């Protein structure tokens, strides 16, 4: 029987929850403003699975959420991202992982798209 992966979404600014968080993975391209690395408790920072600078700019300039998702999934299909996704899936199979982002609502962000792909 295969164990269901536990993938959590949290803001990187929230304090770590030892035991519950498992492996803490930052999924933002840029380091969060004003946050010391020692305080963040980030275990992994796989930039290959973060939205590109061009995609982030396009979205912040008024791009639609649905098209952002399509473009982001296309970026995640590129070889470097596929390799990192495989590694993150292995981590998730071994125990809980927490995807960290600086956005105010992680459930409505690229982190949620990534979590769905990892869970499949």
N, C-alpha and C. Protein backbone atom coordinates (compact mmCIF):
# COMPACT_ATOMS: atom_id res chain seq x y z
N UNK A 1 0.84 -1.18 0.00
CA UNK A 1 0.00 0.00 0.00
C UNK A 1 0.88 1.24 0.00
N UNK A 2 0.58 2.19 -0.88
CA UNK A 2 1.36 3.41 -0.99
C UNK A 2 0.84 4.46 -0.01
N UNK A 3 1.77 5.12 0.64
CA UNK A 3 1.43 6.16 1.60
C UNK A 3 1.08 7.43 0.85
N UNK A 4 0.00 8.11 1.26
CA UNK A 4 -0.38 9.37 0.63
C UNK A 4 0.56 10.47 1.08
N UNK A 5 1.08 11.21 0.12
CA UNK A 5 2.00 12.29 0.43
C UNK A 5 1.29 13.39 1.21
N UNK A 6 1.99 13.91 2.20
CA UNK A 6 1.48 15.05 2.98
C UNK A 6 2.24 16.28 2.50
N UNK A 7 1.51 17.17 1.82
CA UNK A 7 2.10 18.38 1.27
C UNK A 7 1.34 19.56 1.85
N UNK A 8 2.04 20.38 2.61
CA UNK A 8 1.42 21.54 3.25
C UNK A 8 1.84 22.81 2.50
N UNK A 9 0.99 23.82 2.59
CA UNK A 9 1.30 25.15 2.06
C UNK A 9 1.32 26.12 3.24
N UNK A 10 2.39 26.92 3.32
CA UNK A 10 2.48 27.89 4.40
C UNK A 10 3.23 29.12 3.92
N UNK A 11 3.01 30.20 4.64
CA UNK A 11 3.81 31.41 4.38
C UNK A 11 5.18 31.22 5.02
N UNK A 12 6.20 31.63 4.33
CA UNK A 12 7.55 31.49 4.84
C UNK A 12 7.76 32.36 6.08
N UNK A 13 6.95 33.40 6.24
CA UNK A 13 7.08 34.29 7.39
C UNK A 13 6.49 33.69 8.67
N UNK A 14 5.68 32.63 8.53
CA UNK A 14 5.14 31.96 9.71
C UNK A 14 6.24 31.12 10.34
N UNK A 15 6.27 31.06 11.68
CA UNK A 15 7.34 30.28 12.32
C UNK A 15 7.24 28.80 11.97
N UNK A 16 8.38 28.13 11.86
CA UNK A 16 8.37 26.69 11.58
C UNK A 16 7.61 25.92 12.65
N UNK A 17 7.00 24.82 12.24
CA UNK A 17 6.32 23.91 13.15
C UNK A 17 7.08 22.59 13.12
N UNK A 18 8.08 22.45 13.98
CA UNK A 18 8.87 21.21 13.98
C UNK A 18 7.97 19.98 14.10
N UNK A 19 8.30 18.97 13.34
CA UNK A 19 7.51 17.75 13.35
C UNK A 19 6.39 17.78 12.33
N UNK A 20 5.62 18.85 12.29
CA UNK A 20 4.49 18.95 11.36
C UNK A 20 4.95 19.37 9.96
N UNK A 21 5.93 20.26 9.89
CA UNK A 21 6.36 20.79 8.59
C UNK A 21 7.14 19.77 7.76
N UNK A 22 7.86 18.89 8.38
CA UNK A 22 8.73 17.99 7.62
C UNK A 22 9.81 18.78 6.92
N UNK A 23 10.05 18.49 5.66
CA UNK A 23 11.04 19.22 4.88
C UNK A 23 10.41 20.52 4.41
N UNK A 24 11.07 21.63 4.71
CA UNK A 24 10.55 22.96 4.36
C UNK A 24 11.20 23.41 3.06
N UNK A 25 10.35 23.65 2.03
CA UNK A 25 10.84 23.93 0.68
C UNK A 25 10.35 25.32 0.25
N UNK A 26 11.28 26.23 0.04
CA UNK A 26 10.94 27.56 -0.47
C UNK A 26 10.68 27.47 -1.96
N UNK A 27 9.49 27.92 -2.40
CA UNK A 27 9.13 27.82 -3.81
C UNK A 27 8.97 29.19 -4.46
N UNK A 28 9.66 30.18 -3.93
CA UNK A 28 9.73 31.52 -4.53
C UNK A 28 11.09 31.69 -5.19
N UNK A 29 11.13 32.41 -6.30
CA UNK A 29 12.38 32.62 -7.03
C UNK A 29 13.32 33.53 -6.24
N UNK A 30 12.74 34.53 -5.55
CA UNK A 30 13.54 35.48 -4.78
C UNK A 30 13.44 35.18 -3.30
N UNK A 31 14.53 35.45 -2.57
CA UNK A 31 14.49 35.27 -1.12
C UNK A 31 13.51 36.28 -0.53
N UNK A 32 12.69 35.87 0.43
CA UNK A 32 11.68 36.77 1.02
C UNK A 32 12.31 37.98 1.71
N UNK A 33 11.76 39.11 1.40
CA UNK A 33 12.27 40.38 1.92
C UNK A 33 12.20 40.41 3.45
N UNK A 34 13.31 40.82 4.07
CA UNK A 34 13.34 41.04 5.50
C UNK A 34 13.39 39.79 6.35
N UNK A 35 13.62 38.64 5.76
CA UNK A 35 13.62 37.38 6.51
C UNK A 35 15.04 36.80 6.55
N UNK A 36 15.55 36.62 7.75
CA UNK A 36 16.88 36.03 7.90
C UNK A 36 16.82 34.54 7.60
N UNK A 37 17.84 34.05 6.92
CA UNK A 37 17.87 32.63 6.57
C UNK A 37 17.82 31.74 7.80
N UNK A 38 18.45 32.15 8.88
CA UNK A 38 18.45 31.35 10.10
C UNK A 38 17.05 31.23 10.71
N UNK A 39 16.23 32.25 10.53
CA UNK A 39 14.88 32.26 11.09
C UNK A 39 13.91 31.48 10.20
N UNK A 40 14.14 31.50 8.90
CA UNK A 40 13.20 30.89 7.95
C UNK A 40 13.11 29.37 8.08
N UNK A 41 14.20 28.74 8.43
CA UNK A 41 14.18 27.28 8.55
C UNK A 41 13.92 26.57 7.24
N UNK A 42 14.47 27.09 6.15
CA UNK A 42 14.28 26.49 4.83
C UNK A 42 15.30 25.37 4.63
N UNK A 43 14.81 24.19 4.25
CA UNK A 43 15.69 23.06 4.00
C UNK A 43 16.10 22.94 2.54
N UNK A 44 15.19 23.32 1.65
CA UNK A 44 15.43 23.19 0.20
C UNK A 44 14.95 24.46 -0.49
N UNK A 45 15.65 24.84 -1.58
CA UNK A 45 15.24 25.99 -2.37
C UNK A 45 15.46 25.66 -3.85
N UNK A 46 14.61 24.81 -4.42
CA UNK A 46 14.78 24.38 -5.81
C UNK A 46 14.24 25.43 -6.79
N UNK A 47 15.09 26.32 -7.23
CA UNK A 47 14.65 27.44 -8.08
C UNK A 47 14.09 26.97 -9.42
N UNK A 48 14.42 25.76 -9.84
CA UNK A 48 13.92 25.26 -11.12
C UNK A 48 12.41 25.06 -11.12
N UNK A 49 11.78 24.96 -9.94
CA UNK A 49 10.33 24.77 -9.88
C UNK A 49 9.60 26.06 -9.51
N UNK A 50 10.32 27.17 -9.47
CA UNK A 50 9.68 28.44 -9.17
C UNK A 50 9.29 29.13 -10.47
N UNK A 51 8.25 29.95 -10.45
CA UNK A 51 7.88 30.66 -11.69
C UNK A 51 9.03 31.57 -12.14
N UNK A 52 9.25 31.62 -13.44
CA UNK A 52 10.32 32.45 -13.98
C UNK A 52 10.04 33.94 -13.71
N UNK A 53 11.09 34.73 -13.78
CA UNK A 53 10.95 36.18 -13.60
C UNK A 53 9.98 36.75 -14.65
N UNK A 54 10.07 36.24 -15.88
CA UNK A 54 9.19 36.73 -16.94
C UNK A 54 7.73 36.40 -16.64
N UNK A 55 7.47 35.20 -16.15
CA UNK A 55 6.10 34.81 -15.83
C UNK A 55 5.56 35.63 -14.66
N UNK A 56 6.38 35.82 -13.64
CA UNK A 56 5.93 36.62 -12.50
C UNK A 56 5.59 38.04 -12.95
N UNK A 57 6.45 38.64 -13.77
CA UNK A 57 6.21 40.01 -14.25
C UNK A 57 4.93 40.06 -15.07
N UNK A 58 4.77 39.10 -15.98
CA UNK A 58 3.56 39.06 -16.81
C UNK A 58 2.31 39.00 -15.93
N UNK A 59 2.32 38.14 -14.91
CA UNK A 59 1.16 38.00 -14.04
C UNK A 59 0.90 39.28 -13.25
N UNK A 60 1.95 39.88 -12.71
CA UNK A 60 1.77 41.12 -11.93
C UNK A 60 1.38 42.31 -12.79
N UNK A 61 1.60 42.20 -14.08
CA UNK A 61 1.18 43.26 -15.01
C UNK A 61 -0.26 43.06 -15.48
N UNK A 62 -0.98 42.11 -14.87
CA UNK A 62 -2.39 41.95 -15.19
C UNK A 62 -2.77 40.64 -15.86
N UNK A 63 -1.86 39.67 -15.89
CA UNK A 63 -2.17 38.38 -16.49
C UNK A 63 -3.25 37.64 -15.72
N UNK A 64 -3.99 36.81 -16.42
CA UNK A 64 -5.08 36.06 -15.78
C UNK A 64 -4.55 34.87 -14.99
N UNK A 65 -5.28 34.48 -13.98
CA UNK A 65 -4.90 33.36 -13.13
C UNK A 65 -4.86 32.07 -13.93
N UNK A 66 -5.86 31.84 -14.77
CA UNK A 66 -5.91 30.60 -15.55
C UNK A 66 -4.74 30.51 -16.53
N UNK A 67 -4.44 31.60 -17.21
CA UNK A 67 -3.32 31.56 -18.15
C UNK A 67 -1.99 31.44 -17.40
N UNK A 68 -1.90 32.08 -16.22
CA UNK A 68 -0.70 31.92 -15.41
C UNK A 68 -0.47 30.44 -15.11
N UNK A 69 -1.54 29.78 -14.70
CA UNK A 69 -1.44 28.35 -14.38
C UNK A 69 -0.93 27.56 -15.58
N UNK A 70 -1.49 27.82 -16.77
CA UNK A 70 -1.07 27.11 -17.98
C UNK A 70 0.40 27.36 -18.28
N UNK A 71 0.82 28.62 -18.18
CA UNK A 71 2.21 28.96 -18.47
C UNK A 71 3.15 28.36 -17.43
N UNK A 72 2.72 28.38 -16.16
CA UNK A 72 3.55 27.82 -15.09
C UNK A 72 3.69 26.30 -15.27
N UNK A 73 2.60 25.62 -15.61
CA UNK A 73 2.68 24.18 -15.84
C UNK A 73 3.60 23.87 -17.02
N UNK A 74 3.60 24.74 -18.03
CA UNK A 74 4.51 24.55 -19.17
C UNK A 74 5.96 24.70 -18.70
N UNK A 75 6.23 25.66 -17.83
CA UNK A 75 7.59 25.81 -17.29
C UNK A 75 7.99 24.58 -16.47
N UNK A 76 7.02 24.03 -15.73
CA UNK A 76 7.31 22.85 -14.91
C UNK A 76 7.52 21.59 -15.74
N UNK A 77 7.20 21.64 -17.02
CA UNK A 77 7.42 20.50 -17.92
C UNK A 77 8.83 20.53 -18.54
N UNK A 78 9.60 21.59 -18.27
CA UNK A 78 10.96 21.70 -18.80
C UNK A 78 11.88 20.75 -18.02
N UNK A 79 12.95 20.26 -18.67
CA UNK A 79 13.79 19.22 -18.06
C UNK A 79 14.30 19.52 -16.64
N UNK A 80 14.80 20.70 -16.39
CA UNK A 80 15.31 21.02 -15.05
C UNK A 80 14.23 20.96 -14.00
N UNK A 81 13.06 21.44 -14.34
CA UNK A 81 11.93 21.42 -13.40
C UNK A 81 11.44 20.00 -13.19
N UNK A 82 11.41 19.20 -14.25
CA UNK A 82 10.95 17.81 -14.14
C UNK A 82 11.84 17.04 -13.15
N UNK A 83 13.14 17.26 -13.25
CA UNK A 83 14.08 16.59 -12.34
C UNK A 83 13.83 17.01 -10.89
N UNK A 84 13.64 18.29 -10.67
CA UNK A 84 13.37 18.78 -9.30
C UNK A 84 12.03 18.29 -8.79
N UNK A 85 11.01 18.25 -9.66
CA UNK A 85 9.71 17.72 -9.25
C UNK A 85 9.84 16.27 -8.80
N UNK A 86 10.63 15.51 -9.51
CA UNK A 86 10.85 14.11 -9.14
C UNK A 86 11.51 14.01 -7.77
N UNK A 87 12.46 14.86 -7.52
CA UNK A 87 13.13 14.87 -6.22
C UNK A 87 12.17 15.26 -5.11
N UNK A 88 11.33 16.28 -5.37
CA UNK A 88 10.35 16.70 -4.37
C UNK A 88 9.32 15.61 -4.12
N UNK A 89 8.95 14.88 -5.16
CA UNK A 89 8.01 13.75 -4.98
C UNK A 89 8.63 12.67 -4.08
N UNK A 90 9.93 12.43 -4.26
CA UNK A 90 10.62 11.46 -3.41
C UNK A 90 10.62 11.93 -1.96
N UNK A 91 10.87 13.21 -1.74
CA UNK A 91 10.84 13.75 -0.38
C UNK A 91 9.44 13.60 0.22
N UNK A 92 8.42 13.89 -0.58
CA UNK A 92 7.04 13.79 -0.10
C UNK A 92 6.66 12.34 0.20
N UNK A 93 7.21 11.39 -0.55
CA UNK A 93 6.93 9.98 -0.29
C UNK A 93 7.57 9.52 1.01
N UNK A 94 8.66 10.18 1.41
CA UNK A 94 9.38 9.80 2.62
C UNK A 94 8.79 10.43 3.88
N UNK A 95 8.03 11.49 3.72
CA UNK A 95 7.46 12.18 4.88
C UNK A 95 6.86 13.51 4.47
N UNK A 96 6.31 14.25 5.41
CA UNK A 96 5.66 15.51 5.05
C UNK A 96 6.65 16.52 4.46
N UNK A 97 6.14 17.32 3.53
CA UNK A 97 6.89 18.49 3.06
C UNK A 97 5.98 19.70 3.13
N UNK A 98 6.58 20.85 3.33
CA UNK A 98 5.84 22.10 3.40
C UNK A 98 6.40 23.03 2.34
N UNK A 99 5.53 23.46 1.42
CA UNK A 99 5.91 24.42 0.39
C UNK A 99 5.72 25.80 0.98
N UNK A 100 6.79 26.58 0.97
CA UNK A 100 6.79 27.91 1.57
C UNK A 100 6.82 28.98 0.50
N UNK A 101 6.01 30.01 0.71
CA UNK A 101 5.98 31.14 -0.20
C UNK A 101 5.74 32.41 0.59
N UNK A 102 6.11 33.54 0.02
CA UNK A 102 5.91 34.81 0.71
C UNK A 102 4.56 35.45 0.37
N UNK A 103 3.80 34.88 -0.57
CA UNK A 103 2.52 35.46 -0.94
C UNK A 103 1.54 35.40 0.23
N UNK A 104 0.60 36.35 0.25
CA UNK A 104 -0.34 36.44 1.37
C UNK A 104 -1.29 35.26 1.46
N UNK A 105 -1.67 34.69 0.32
CA UNK A 105 -2.62 33.57 0.30
C UNK A 105 -2.01 32.39 -0.46
N UNK A 106 -1.24 31.54 0.21
CA UNK A 106 -0.59 30.43 -0.48
C UNK A 106 -1.55 29.51 -1.22
N UNK A 107 -2.78 29.36 -0.74
CA UNK A 107 -3.74 28.47 -1.39
C UNK A 107 -4.18 28.98 -2.76
N UNK A 108 -3.96 30.26 -3.04
CA UNK A 108 -4.33 30.84 -4.34
C UNK A 108 -3.09 31.22 -5.14
N UNK A 109 -1.99 30.57 -4.88
CA UNK A 109 -0.73 30.95 -5.51
C UNK A 109 -0.14 29.82 -6.34
N UNK A 110 1.01 30.08 -6.91
CA UNK A 110 1.74 29.07 -7.66
C UNK A 110 2.08 27.87 -6.78
N UNK A 111 2.21 28.08 -5.48
CA UNK A 111 2.53 26.98 -4.56
C UNK A 111 1.41 25.94 -4.56
N UNK A 112 0.17 26.38 -4.70
CA UNK A 112 -0.96 25.45 -4.75
C UNK A 112 -0.91 24.62 -6.04
N UNK A 113 -0.55 25.25 -7.14
CA UNK A 113 -0.40 24.53 -8.42
C UNK A 113 0.68 23.47 -8.27
N UNK A 114 1.79 23.86 -7.68
CA UNK A 114 2.91 22.95 -7.47
C UNK A 114 2.50 21.79 -6.56
N UNK A 115 1.78 22.10 -5.49
CA UNK A 115 1.33 21.04 -4.57
C UNK A 115 0.43 20.03 -5.28
N UNK A 116 -0.45 20.51 -6.15
CA UNK A 116 -1.32 19.60 -6.90
C UNK A 116 -0.50 18.67 -7.79
N UNK A 117 0.48 19.24 -8.47
CA UNK A 117 1.33 18.42 -9.35
C UNK A 117 2.13 17.39 -8.57
N UNK A 118 2.60 17.77 -7.39
CA UNK A 118 3.37 16.85 -6.57
C UNK A 118 2.50 15.73 -6.02
N UNK A 119 1.25 16.04 -5.74
CA UNK A 119 0.34 15.04 -5.18
C UNK A 119 -0.10 14.01 -6.21
N UNK A 120 -0.06 14.37 -7.49
CA UNK A 120 -0.48 13.43 -8.55
C UNK A 120 0.52 12.32 -8.75
